[in-house]
Each structure stands twice: as structure tokens, then as C-alpha cells.
Amino acid sequence: MTEPATTEPAVAESAATEPAAIEPAVTESVATEPVVDAPPPVRKDRRALRAALRWTAAVVVFAVVGASAAYGITRLERTDVPGLSTASDGRWVYPEITLPPLPSGSPGPFADGNTGGVHYADLRALVLPAPEGATEDKALRGSDGWLAPRVLLTEFAEAGERDTFRQKLVDDGLRHIAARGWTTEDGTHTRIYLLRFESAAVVDDLFAADFAAFSSSGLQMRGTEQAEVDEDFPEQAARTEDIQPAVYVESEPYGAEQVRYAYLAAGDTLALIMQSRKGEALAVPFQQTVTLQGQLLG
């Protein structure tokens, strides 16, 4: 028995290469059979056809635009970090965010060969800017943009922890602290601190020992009674490649205000991001702020 898969190509090849052999049989059939007029061709509704073409074109356009948008998001250049300015779901409207230029010949913090994870860009330019309508916290400006460690230490609740952490900063060779803070119209107070050390190895050790230790929320932050890992934080969607996050939220019952905070280990830089608000610290602007700051450091 001949397999159908081998018969079809043979027929196709015969039809393509020997049209003269088929033609006489068709001629003879026409001569012996009565002539019957062919039915008139069915006339298609041109309006329906045009509508179908329009819908097809629209689907193609949306598919192309969607693919282009997805490609653009995954192929961001250093000067094109999105502001995530959609405000309908509670996100803040940030200004256009651009990464500062690197010194000539310097690699990015996670480029091949930059084993120390060094941020060669100006650390002060890597702090997330305030969103539109926010009031700046002038106390975090520091001197020439550099903040004294004692200001950062006031964020920790216990005096003993402040002293311990101050000594760790000295022992680990802290180089600079850059910071920025603001308060939005809904009363949310945001503080961001970027701490630069000698290398990524120092930050990794500090991060693992003090801020992301198993079953620990790190040092107790001022204004908190008890904090826990923020299980609702969309880590996969918000995570920036090569950056380690540790995200916490003050658990109930809390006092007059709630605190959310996150640590990011980003090469030679450790970031602390805090938000507090009377009643409840909202999740969406916190997630947005952590995500954007991570992108700036990445």
C-alpha cells in the first residue's frame, strides 16, 4: 500500500511538470458532453469585506505595537528609565528620569569586568527625584549633597543599635551617603539613603548579616513596633536584575502611623528606602518608589 504522504507530492509534481498529458483528456470531455452555462460568480458584499480587512489591519497594528512596547521595556537604555507616571491606580507622577553619564571609559556597575560592582556615576545623581507636587525634606540635603551618618542613624529606633551600626559603617569603610526626602499631599513621608562602600563584597556581607537575615526584619526602624517581610510586594515584577531586595512592612497593630521600608544591595551601594504615613502607608507608591530607585542603581 502506498502511503498518502508519498502520493501527494508525486501528483503535485506530475501536475507541475506534465500539463500536456492532462490537456487532451479535458478536451475530449468537452467535445462529448453538452455545453452547460457556468453559474454567475457569487458577488461578495464589499462592505463586509472592507470591514473584515479593517479589523484584520487593526489586530495586526495592535499586535505590532504591543510587541514593540514589550521589546522597548526589556531593552531600556541608560537614558530611558520609565517614570511610571500612571496615577489612576495610586502611583505618583515622577518627572522624566535619566541616568547620569558615566565617566569616559568607565563601565556600568554590573558590566563584565566590574567585579567590585562600582558605581562610577555621581552617587548624588542616582537618588530618585521627588514626584510632582511633593515638598522636599531639606534636612536630607546635607552638605554639597553628602549626608552626615548621624542623620541616617536617627532612623533607627534604639540608641544601642545606632551605636552598633555606626561602628559597622566605620569598620566597613563607608565612603559617602547621598539622600533625598519629601512629603506628598496625602501625608506620605519618603526618605531614601544611598550608602556607598568600597566594593560589592562589603555590601553583600552587610546586607546578609543585618538587613536580610533569615527570620529577621533587620534593625528596628524609628516609629515601628514590629515589622515583617512584605509578602504582598510584587518582587518578580518590581525586581531589578543584579539587585537584592529585602522589603518589610510594619505589622498590626501599629501606632499613629505605619512604616514601610526596603533595603537594596546594588553592587557597592546599599539603599534604604522608607515611607511612613498617618493611618496606613499605601502599598502602591511604595512599590513604585522602590522599583524606580532600583532601576537607577542598576
Protein backbone atom coordinates (compact mmCIF):
# COMPACT_ATOMS: atom_id res chain seq x y z
CA MET A 1 0.00 0.00 0.00
CA THR A 2 1.30 3.43 -0.95
CA GLU A 3 1.41 5.97 1.88
CA PRO A 4 -0.62 9.18 1.31
CA ALA A 5 2.37 11.26 2.28
CA THR A 6 4.34 9.98 -0.70
CA THR A 7 1.41 10.00 -3.15
CA GLU A 8 0.55 13.69 -2.82
CA PRO A 9 3.98 15.04 -3.76
CA ALA A 10 4.01 12.76 -6.80
CA VAL A 11 0.67 14.14 -8.00
CA ALA A 12 1.79 17.68 -7.40
CA GLU A 13 4.99 17.08 -9.31
CA SER A 14 3.16 15.45 -12.25
CA ALA A 15 0.74 18.35 -12.48
CA ALA A 16 3.54 20.83 -12.42
CA THR A 17 5.85 19.14 -14.90
CA GLU A 18 3.42 17.45 -17.39
CA PRO A 19 0.50 19.78 -18.20
CA ALA A 20 0.33 18.46 -21.82
CA ALA A 21 -0.61 14.95 -20.67
CA ILE A 22 -3.69 16.21 -18.84
CA GLU A 23 -4.91 18.61 -21.54
CA PRO A 24 -6.14 16.05 -24.18
CA ALA A 25 -8.40 14.33 -21.65
CA VAL A 26 -10.02 17.61 -20.75
CA THR A 27 -10.54 18.49 -24.45
CA GLU A 28 -12.21 15.15 -25.23
CA SER A 29 -14.59 15.52 -22.31
CA VAL A 30 -15.73 18.91 -23.51
CA ALA A 31 -16.45 17.58 -27.02
CA THR A 32 -18.72 14.71 -25.89
CA GLU A 33 -20.69 16.39 -23.10
CA PRO A 34 -23.45 19.00 -23.66
CA VAL A 35 -22.43 22.55 -23.03
CA VAL A 36 -23.86 23.97 -19.82
CA ASP A 37 -23.54 27.63 -18.97
CA ALA A 38 -21.47 28.16 -15.79
CA PRO A 39 -23.40 29.84 -12.95
CA PRO A 40 -22.57 33.51 -12.50
CA PRO A 41 -19.91 34.16 -9.81
CA VAL A 42 -21.29 34.97 -6.37
CA ARG A 43 -20.81 38.66 -5.69
CA LYS A 44 -19.32 39.24 -2.26
CA ASP A 45 -20.59 42.00 -0.05
CA ARG A 46 -17.87 44.61 -0.46
CA ARG A 47 -18.87 46.37 2.73
CA ALA A 48 -18.41 43.18 4.75
CA LEU A 49 -15.12 42.56 3.00
CA ARG A 50 -13.87 46.06 3.76
CA ALA A 51 -14.93 45.70 7.41
CA ALA A 52 -13.11 42.40 7.72
CA LEU A 53 -9.99 43.95 6.24
CA ARG A 54 -10.18 46.87 8.64
CA TRP A 55 -10.48 44.56 11.65
CA THR A 56 -7.61 42.43 10.40
CA ALA A 57 -5.43 45.51 9.95
CA ALA A 58 -6.35 46.75 13.42
CA VAL A 59 -5.42 43.44 15.01
CA VAL A 60 -2.08 43.46 13.20
CA VAL A 61 -1.35 47.04 14.30
CA PHE A 62 -2.18 46.30 17.94
CA ALA A 63 -0.05 43.17 17.85
CA VAL A 64 2.91 45.09 16.43
CA VAL A 65 2.52 47.96 18.89
CA GLY A 66 2.21 45.56 21.81
CA ALA A 67 5.29 43.65 20.76
CA SER A 68 7.22 46.89 20.26
CA ALA A 69 6.23 48.16 23.71
CA ALA A 70 7.26 44.92 25.37
CA TYR A 71 10.56 44.98 23.48
CA GLY A 72 11.16 48.58 24.47
CA ILE A 73 10.58 47.86 28.15
CA THR A 74 13.03 45.00 28.14
CA ARG A 75 15.64 46.94 26.14
CA LEU A 76 15.83 50.18 28.15
CA GLU A 77 18.89 52.27 27.59
CA ARG A 78 20.68 54.07 30.44
CA THR A 79 18.99 57.34 29.48
CA ASP A 80 15.44 55.98 29.22
CA VAL A 81 14.20 54.83 32.62
CA PRO A 82 10.38 55.00 32.73
CA GLY A 83 8.69 57.33 35.22
CA LEU A 84 5.71 55.02 35.72
CA SER A 85 3.56 58.13 35.74
CA THR A 86 0.13 56.48 35.54
CA ALA A 87 -1.71 57.91 38.53
CA SER A 88 -5.09 56.16 38.21
CA ASP A 89 -4.05 53.27 40.49
CA GLY A 90 -2.38 55.42 43.14
CA ARG A 91 1.05 55.78 41.53
CA TRP A 92 2.79 59.11 41.79
CA VAL A 93 3.74 61.22 38.79
CA TYR A 94 7.52 61.37 38.62
CA PRO A 95 9.47 63.65 36.30
CA GLU A 96 11.32 62.14 33.39
CA ILE A 97 14.12 60.10 34.90
CA THR A 98 17.50 59.78 33.24
CA LEU A 99 20.61 58.01 34.41
CA PRO A 100 23.67 60.23 34.89
CA PRO A 101 26.50 59.85 32.40
CA LEU A 102 29.42 57.60 33.23
CA PRO A 103 32.97 58.97 33.20
CA SER A 104 34.70 58.26 29.91
CA GLY A 105 35.82 54.65 29.71
CA SER A 106 34.05 53.60 32.94
CA PRO A 107 31.81 50.52 32.92
CA GLY A 108 28.36 50.23 34.43
CA PRO A 109 28.04 48.75 37.93
CA PHE A 110 27.16 45.28 36.65
CA ALA A 111 29.18 45.22 33.45
CA ASP A 112 31.57 42.37 32.73
CA GLY A 113 34.90 43.08 34.34
CA ASN A 114 33.50 45.39 37.03
CA THR A 115 33.89 42.74 39.71
CA GLY A 116 33.57 45.25 42.54
CA GLY A 117 30.15 46.42 41.35
CA VAL A 118 31.40 50.00 41.47
CA HIS A 119 29.01 52.82 40.58
CA TYR A 120 31.27 55.26 38.75
CA ALA A 121 28.44 57.76 38.22
CA ASP A 122 27.91 60.51 40.78
CA LEU A 123 26.04 58.89 43.68
CA ARG A 124 24.08 62.08 44.30
CA ALA A 125 22.63 61.83 40.80
CA LEU A 126 21.49 58.26 41.44
CA VAL A 127 18.99 59.21 44.14
CA LEU A 128 15.40 59.12 42.89
CA PRO A 129 13.93 62.62 42.40
CA ALA A 130 10.76 63.66 44.21
CA PRO A 131 7.42 63.21 42.40
CA GLU A 132 5.37 66.13 41.18
CA GLY A 133 3.68 68.19 43.91
CA ALA A 134 5.87 66.87 46.74
CA THR A 135 7.53 69.08 49.35
CA GLU A 136 11.25 68.44 49.72
CA ASP A 137 12.73 67.44 53.06
CA LYS A 138 15.57 69.96 53.31
CA ALA A 139 17.11 68.17 56.28
CA LEU A 140 18.28 65.43 53.93
CA ARG A 141 20.10 67.74 51.54
CA GLY A 142 23.31 67.52 53.54
CA SER A 143 26.41 69.49 52.63
CA ASP A 144 27.02 69.63 48.88
CA GLY A 145 24.63 66.70 48.58
CA TRP A 146 26.54 64.47 51.04
CA LEU A 147 24.74 63.49 54.22
CA ALA A 148 26.39 63.04 57.62
CA PRO A 149 25.99 59.48 59.00
CA ARG A 150 24.41 60.81 62.22
CA VAL A 151 21.31 61.89 60.22
CA LEU A 152 20.86 58.39 58.84
CA LEU A 153 21.32 56.86 62.29
CA THR A 154 18.27 58.74 63.61
CA GLU A 155 16.12 56.40 61.52
CA PHE A 156 16.92 53.52 63.86
CA ALA A 157 14.83 53.13 66.97
CA GLU A 158 17.26 52.10 69.69
CA ALA A 159 20.33 54.02 70.78
CA GLY A 160 22.28 50.78 71.20
CA GLU A 161 21.55 49.75 67.61
CA ARG A 162 22.62 53.18 66.40
CA ASP A 163 25.98 52.86 68.12
CA THR A 164 26.48 49.34 66.77
CA PHE A 165 25.59 50.35 63.24
CA ARG A 166 27.76 53.47 63.39
CA GLN A 167 30.75 51.31 64.23
CA LYS A 168 29.92 48.92 61.39
CA LEU A 169 29.88 51.80 58.95
CA VAL A 170 33.35 52.80 60.13
CA ASP A 171 34.70 49.24 60.04
CA ASP A 172 33.27 48.57 56.59
CA GLY A 173 34.78 51.71 55.11
CA LEU A 174 31.70 53.79 54.32
CA ARG A 175 32.65 56.36 51.67
CA HIS A 176 29.58 58.54 51.11
CA ILE A 177 25.86 58.87 51.88
CA ALA A 178 23.55 60.60 49.43
CA ALA A 179 19.91 61.12 50.40
CA ARG A 180 16.64 62.73 49.45
CA GLY A 181 13.29 63.05 51.20
CA TRP A 182 9.86 64.52 50.50
CA THR A 183 6.26 64.62 51.70
CA THR A 184 3.34 64.26 49.28
CA GLU A 185 -0.09 65.84 49.60
CA ASP A 186 -1.57 62.70 51.18
CA GLY A 187 0.92 62.96 54.05
CA THR A 188 3.29 60.19 52.96
CA HIS A 189 6.84 60.95 54.11
CA THR A 190 9.56 59.32 51.96
CA ARG A 191 13.26 59.04 52.78
CA ILE A 192 15.89 57.48 50.55
CA TYR A 193 19.51 56.89 51.63
CA LEU A 194 22.27 55.57 49.36
CA LEU A 195 25.38 54.31 51.18
CA ARG A 196 28.48 53.67 49.07
CA PHE A 197 31.20 51.31 50.25
CA GLU A 198 34.47 50.05 48.79
CA SER A 199 33.03 47.06 46.93
CA ALA A 200 30.04 44.83 46.36
CA ALA A 201 31.54 42.20 48.67
CA VAL A 202 31.28 44.58 51.65
CA VAL A 203 27.66 45.42 50.83
CA ASP A 204 26.71 41.77 50.37
CA ASP A 205 28.10 40.87 53.79
CA LEU A 206 26.40 43.82 55.49
CA PHE A 207 23.13 43.12 53.71
CA ALA A 208 23.06 39.42 54.61
CA ALA A 209 24.11 39.91 58.23
CA ASP A 210 21.97 42.91 59.21
CA PHE A 211 19.16 43.54 56.74
CA ALA A 212 18.12 40.31 55.04
CA ALA A 213 18.94 37.75 57.70
CA PHE A 214 16.57 34.77 57.86
CA SER A 215 13.51 35.40 60.09
CA SER A 216 14.67 38.93 60.80
CA SER A 217 13.49 42.39 59.75
CA GLY A 218 16.91 43.89 60.35
CA LEU A 219 17.44 46.84 62.63
CA GLN A 220 14.29 48.23 64.19
CA MET A 221 13.24 51.43 62.47
CA ARG A 222 12.08 54.51 64.32
CA GLY A 223 8.30 54.61 64.71
CA THR A 224 7.79 50.87 64.34
CA GLU A 225 6.71 48.35 66.94
CA GLN A 226 7.14 45.21 64.87
CA ALA A 227 7.84 44.65 61.17
CA GLU A 228 7.58 41.61 58.94
CA VAL A 229 8.53 40.64 55.41
CA ASP A 230 6.15 42.30 52.94
CA GLU A 231 4.62 39.22 51.32
CA ASP A 232 2.46 41.37 49.02
CA PHE A 233 5.41 43.15 47.43
CA PRO A 234 5.49 42.12 43.72
CA GLU A 235 9.11 41.06 43.78
CA GLN A 236 9.15 39.45 40.33
CA ALA A 237 7.53 42.42 38.60
CA ALA A 238 9.43 45.08 40.54
CA ARG A 239 12.79 43.38 40.80
CA THR A 240 15.80 44.82 39.01
CA GLU A 241 18.36 42.34 37.73
CA ASP A 242 21.53 42.05 39.84
CA ILE A 243 19.95 43.85 42.82
CA GLN A 244 18.99 42.04 46.02
CA PRO A 245 15.89 43.41 47.81
CA ALA A 246 14.68 42.98 51.38
CA VAL A 247 11.23 44.54 51.83
CA TYR A 248 9.35 44.99 55.11
CA VAL A 249 6.08 46.44 56.38
CA GLU A 250 5.09 47.34 59.93
CA SER A 251 2.58 44.79 61.13
CA GLU A 252 -0.64 45.49 63.00
CA PRO A 253 -1.34 46.80 65.49
CA TYR A 254 0.75 49.88 64.78
CA GLY A 255 0.58 53.34 66.27
CA ALA A 256 -0.48 56.63 64.76
CA GLU A 257 1.33 55.90 61.51
CA GLN A 258 2.54 52.87 59.58
CA VAL A 259 6.05 52.42 58.18
CA ARG A 260 7.23 50.54 55.10
CA TYR A 261 10.90 50.13 54.27
CA ALA A 262 13.22 48.28 51.93
CA TYR A 263 16.93 47.60 51.62
CA LEU A 264 18.56 47.15 48.21
CA ALA A 265 22.02 45.66 47.79
CA ALA A 266 23.24 47.10 44.49
CA GLY A 267 26.91 46.49 43.86
CA ASP A 268 28.99 48.80 46.06
CA THR A 269 25.86 50.68 47.18
CA LEU A 270 23.30 49.88 49.87
CA ALA A 271 19.97 51.68 49.58
CA LEU A 272 17.47 52.25 52.38
CA ILE A 273 14.00 53.38 51.25
CA MET A 274 11.40 54.34 53.86
CA GLN A 275 7.83 55.58 53.70
CA SER A 276 5.57 56.44 56.63
CA ARG A 277 2.04 57.78 56.71
CA LYS A 278 -0.59 58.51 59.32
CA GLY A 279 -3.08 55.67 59.45
CA GLU A 280 -1.67 53.47 56.69
CA ALA A 281 1.36 53.63 54.43
CA LEU A 282 -0.01 52.85 50.98
CA ALA A 283 1.49 49.92 49.10
CA VAL A 284 1.38 51.20 45.51
CA PRO A 285 3.54 54.35 45.81
CA PHE A 286 5.98 52.41 47.98
CA GLN A 287 6.33 49.66 45.37
CA GLN A 288 6.73 52.28 42.65
CA THR A 289 9.43 54.15 44.59
CA VAL A 290 11.42 51.00 45.38
CA THR A 291 11.21 49.85 41.75
CA LEU A 292 12.39 53.16 40.28
CA GLN A 293 15.23 53.52 42.77
CA GLY A 294 16.34 50.00 41.92
CA GLN A 295 16.35 50.82 38.21
CA LEU A 296 18.52 53.87 38.82
CA LEU A 297 21.04 51.76 40.70
CA GLY A 298 21.01 49.01 38.08
